[in-house]
Structures are given as C-alpha cells and as structure tokens.
Amino acid sequence: MNSKKERIILGIDPGTIIMGFGLIKIVDNKMKFLQLNELILKKYDDHYLRLKLIFERTIELIDQFHPDEIAIEAPFFGKNVQSMLKLGRAQGVAMAAGLSREVSITEYSPKKIKMAITGNGNSSKEQVAKMLQSLLGLKELPKNLDSTDGLAAAVCHFYNSNNKSIESKYSGWESFVKNNPKRLK
C-alpha cells in the first residue's frame, strides 16, 4: 500500500462506559467511510476488566483494518477528578495498544475535533454527527454518538494531516517555541 496515495485512519473516543471508534480510508486525498461502532462496557463492574477489553478491542481493530494512523480524543478537563483519571486510563490503554502494533498516534482536544468537523469548537455531539453524516454519506446515525465522536477524530486527523503544528506532536516547550517563533515576544 502506497502511504501517499492510500491510508487508513482509526479514530477513537476513549471511555470506560462506551468506547467509540470509526475508520476512514483515504484514497487520492479523498475520504471513504469504512466503519463506526462502539464497545459497550457499562455491563462490567470491574474497571480493570474494562481497561483490558478496551486494549483487546483496539488490538482487534488494528489487526483487522491495519490503520496507518490512530487519532484519539484527548480527555477534557472536568471537575470530577475520578472521572478524568478513568478516562485517562482508557485513553492510555488504547494508545498502548496502538503503540504495541507500532501505529502512530495523534491526540486531539474535543474542541479541535469539533472545530475541524463543524467549524465551531462548541458544537454539540448531534451537530458533529449530522455533519459527518453529510460529509461521508452515512445512511443513518447510531443511537449513541460515541462512535461518531471516534469517527470525528479520524476525520479531524485527515483534515489536519498536512498541518505541521498539531499540538499533540510537540515533545515539550522547546519544540513548541521552535515551531511557533511568531508567538514569542
């Protein structure tokens, strides 16, 4: 597969209740919808079992679709520290699965994903889902919108692929300063 002409992007919306994911294929710089789905975890009481299932499902997706890249939604900062910790763990095990298969990973904030899809960083899940439906010609939308959030991460990554200053690719302040000389006074 020629990575310049054709590539697959796996988008993940990590969660310990529902993990949403979506896959797109890029052919000649055009998006083609492959799949969206979710892993329902609320029926499992054991948090560690949920993390194991997230890891295993991510590995299954990688082994089945052979994505060239993974785009993952970064946890948003909320007031509930326990929820943030659980979300961070879910994101971490999904990332570990990708890293174990040597797939490059890029992280995007929820605002950046919404901005890429709808042009508005404060869009609702429903607005993002409707725009994806229109962009990718989806026949119907799922009941839970976690899978469209995962798909949105993949589409956001496609739109930002040529952007050299993706925030999550920075390795620290030094690389930020080097890549943003005009932002210094």
Protein backbone atom coordinates (compact mmCIF):
# COMPACT_ATOMS: atom_id res chain seq x y z
CA MET A 1 0.00 0.00 0.00
CA ASN A 2 1.41 3.38 -1.01
CA SER A 3 1.11 5.54 2.10
CA LYS A 4 0.98 8.74 -0.01
CA LYS A 5 -1.98 7.60 -2.12
CA GLU A 6 -3.84 5.35 0.30
CA ARG A 7 -4.05 5.13 4.08
CA ILE A 8 -6.44 4.12 6.83
CA ILE A 9 -7.13 6.22 9.93
CA LEU A 10 -8.66 4.78 13.09
CA GLY A 11 -10.36 7.37 15.29
CA ILE A 12 -11.05 6.58 18.94
CA ASP A 13 -13.23 8.29 21.52
CA PRO A 14 -11.98 6.59 24.68
CA GLY A 15 -14.36 5.90 27.51
CA THR A 16 -14.83 3.39 30.30
CA ILE A 17 -18.60 3.19 29.75
CA ILE A 18 -18.57 3.37 25.95
CA MET A 19 -15.54 3.47 23.67
CA GLY A 20 -16.49 4.85 20.27
CA PHE A 21 -14.44 4.27 17.15
CA GLY A 22 -14.56 4.99 13.47
CA LEU A 23 -12.42 4.17 10.47
CA ILE A 24 -11.89 6.03 7.22
CA LYS A 25 -9.80 5.19 4.21
CA ILE A 26 -8.02 7.95 2.32
CA VAL A 27 -7.60 7.31 -1.40
CA ASP A 28 -6.08 10.06 -3.55
CA ASN A 29 -6.71 12.54 -0.73
CA LYS A 30 -10.45 11.72 -0.54
CA MET A 31 -12.21 10.22 2.46
CA LYS A 32 -14.11 6.96 2.25
CA PHE A 33 -16.15 5.70 5.22
CA LEU A 34 -15.20 2.21 6.42
CA GLN A 35 -16.86 1.61 9.78
CA LEU A 36 -18.10 3.11 13.01
CA ASN A 37 -19.07 1.23 16.13
CA GLU A 38 -18.73 1.19 19.87
CA LEU A 39 -17.59 -1.06 22.63
CA ILE A 40 -20.22 -1.07 25.40
CA LEU A 41 -18.54 -1.51 28.78
CA LYS A 42 -21.18 -0.43 31.30
CA LYS A 43 -22.25 -4.03 31.95
CA TYR A 44 -18.85 -4.76 33.51
CA ASP A 45 -18.36 -3.62 37.11
CA ASP A 46 -14.61 -4.21 37.23
CA HIS A 47 -12.72 -1.12 35.98
CA TYR A 48 -9.60 -3.19 35.23
CA LEU A 49 -11.62 -5.62 33.11
CA ARG A 50 -12.97 -2.64 31.16
CA LEU A 51 -9.41 -1.46 30.50
CA LYS A 52 -8.42 -4.94 29.34
CA LEU A 53 -11.40 -5.02 26.95
CA ILE A 54 -10.50 -1.58 25.54
CA PHE A 55 -6.96 -2.79 24.91
CA GLU A 56 -8.14 -6.04 23.29
CA ARG A 57 -10.76 -4.35 21.07
CA THR A 58 -8.23 -1.76 19.90
CA ILE A 59 -5.76 -4.56 19.02
CA GLU A 60 -8.56 -6.38 17.13
CA LEU A 61 -9.34 -3.23 15.12
CA ILE A 62 -5.66 -2.72 14.30
CA ASP A 63 -5.20 -6.34 13.27
CA GLN A 64 -8.39 -6.32 11.17
CA PHE A 65 -8.08 -2.95 9.39
CA HIS A 66 -4.30 -2.25 9.57
CA PRO A 67 -4.63 1.50 10.16
CA ASP A 68 -1.65 3.64 9.25
CA GLU A 69 -2.52 6.17 11.95
CA ILE A 70 -4.66 6.50 15.05
CA ALA A 71 -6.38 9.73 16.06
CA ILE A 72 -7.59 9.78 19.64
CA GLU A 73 -9.71 12.28 21.52
CA ALA A 74 -7.85 13.72 24.49
CA PRO A 75 -9.65 13.75 27.83
CA PHE A 76 -11.31 17.07 28.58
CA PHE A 77 -10.64 18.70 31.90
CA GLY A 78 -13.65 18.42 34.13
CA LYS A 79 -14.33 18.93 37.80
CA ASN A 80 -14.59 15.24 38.67
CA VAL A 81 -11.03 14.03 39.19
CA GLN A 82 -12.08 10.36 39.41
CA SER A 83 -13.82 10.54 36.03
CA MET A 84 -10.79 12.23 34.47
CA LEU A 85 -8.50 9.57 35.89
CA LYS A 86 -10.67 6.76 34.49
CA LEU A 87 -10.89 8.48 31.10
CA GLY A 88 -7.11 8.97 31.06
CA ARG A 89 -6.60 5.29 31.77
CA ALA A 90 -8.99 4.33 28.95
CA GLN A 91 -7.09 6.61 26.60
CA GLY A 92 -3.77 5.21 27.82
CA VAL A 93 -4.64 1.58 27.17
CA ALA A 94 -5.99 2.42 23.68
CA MET A 95 -2.74 4.27 22.99
CA ALA A 96 -0.69 1.37 24.38
CA ALA A 97 -2.50 -0.99 22.01
CA GLY A 98 -1.59 1.23 19.07
CA LEU A 99 1.99 1.61 20.22
CA SER A 100 2.32 -2.15 20.68
CA ARG A 101 1.47 -2.51 16.97
CA GLU A 102 3.72 0.45 16.05
CA VAL A 103 0.88 2.62 14.73
CA SER A 104 1.48 6.37 15.03
CA ILE A 105 -0.91 8.18 17.35
CA THR A 106 -2.07 11.78 17.38
CA GLU A 107 -4.18 13.28 20.13
CA TYR A 108 -6.78 16.00 19.55
CA SER A 109 -8.75 18.05 22.05
CA PRO A 110 -12.54 17.74 21.83
CA LYS A 111 -12.72 21.42 20.78
CA LYS A 112 -10.22 20.92 17.96
CA ILE A 113 -12.18 17.90 16.67
CA LYS A 114 -15.47 19.81 16.74
CA MET A 115 -13.83 22.79 15.02
CA ALA A 116 -12.43 20.56 12.26
CA ILE A 117 -15.81 18.94 11.57
CA THR A 118 -18.31 21.79 12.03
CA GLY A 119 -16.22 24.95 12.14
CA ASN A 120 -17.41 25.54 15.71
CA GLY A 121 -15.43 24.26 18.70
CA ASN A 122 -18.57 24.36 20.86
CA SER A 123 -20.75 22.19 18.61
CA SER A 124 -22.96 19.53 20.14
CA LYS A 125 -22.44 15.80 19.57
CA GLU A 126 -25.56 15.87 17.41
CA GLN A 127 -24.19 18.66 15.18
CA VAL A 128 -20.90 16.78 14.73
CA ALA A 129 -22.78 13.56 13.89
CA LYS A 130 -25.03 15.31 11.34
CA MET A 131 -22.04 16.92 9.63
CA LEU A 132 -20.24 13.55 9.45
CA GLN A 133 -23.41 12.01 8.02
CA SER A 134 -23.37 14.65 5.30
CA LEU A 135 -19.60 14.50 4.64
CA LEU A 136 -19.37 10.72 4.45
CA GLY A 137 -22.84 9.85 3.15
CA LEU A 138 -23.85 7.82 6.20
CA LYS A 139 -27.33 6.34 5.77
CA GLU A 140 -28.23 6.58 9.44
CA LEU A 141 -26.69 7.66 12.71
CA PRO A 142 -26.18 5.37 15.70
CA LYS A 143 -28.23 5.71 18.86
CA ASN A 144 -25.15 6.51 20.95
CA LEU A 145 -22.95 9.19 19.45
CA ASP A 146 -19.70 7.90 20.93
CA SER A 147 -18.97 6.09 17.67
CA THR A 148 -19.47 9.28 15.65
CA ASP A 149 -17.09 11.01 18.09
CA GLY A 150 -14.49 8.36 17.26
CA LEU A 151 -15.16 8.84 13.55
CA ALA A 152 -14.86 12.62 14.04
CA ALA A 153 -11.36 12.13 15.49
CA ALA A 154 -10.34 10.23 12.33
CA VAL A 155 -11.79 12.92 10.03
CA CYS A 156 -10.16 15.67 12.11
CA HIS A 157 -6.83 13.88 11.69
CA PHE A 158 -7.31 13.70 7.93
CA TYR A 159 -8.07 17.44 7.79
CA ASN A 160 -5.02 18.21 9.95
CA SER A 161 -2.61 15.75 8.27
CA ASN A 162 -0.75 18.49 6.44
CA ASN A 163 -0.67 20.79 9.46
CA LYS A 164 2.86 20.68 10.86
CA SER A 165 1.90 22.30 14.17
CA ILE A 166 -0.50 19.71 15.57
CA GLU A 167 -0.48 20.36 19.31
CA SER A 168 -0.08 16.76 20.42
CA LYS A 169 3.01 16.18 18.28
CA TYR A 170 5.04 18.57 20.42
CA SER A 171 7.60 16.97 22.67
CA GLY A 172 7.83 19.94 25.03
CA TRP A 173 8.26 23.71 25.28
CA GLU A 174 11.43 23.66 23.21
CA SER A 175 9.68 22.13 20.20
CA PHE A 176 6.68 24.46 20.70
CA VAL A 177 8.95 27.53 20.67
CA LYS A 178 10.86 26.23 17.65
CA ASN A 179 7.62 25.64 15.70
CA ASN A 180 5.95 28.92 16.76
CA PRO A 181 8.56 31.71 16.55
CA LYS A 182 5.89 34.35 15.76
CA ARG A 183 4.11 33.67 19.05
CA LEU A 184 7.12 34.88 21.06
CA LYS A 185 7.51 38.49 22.12
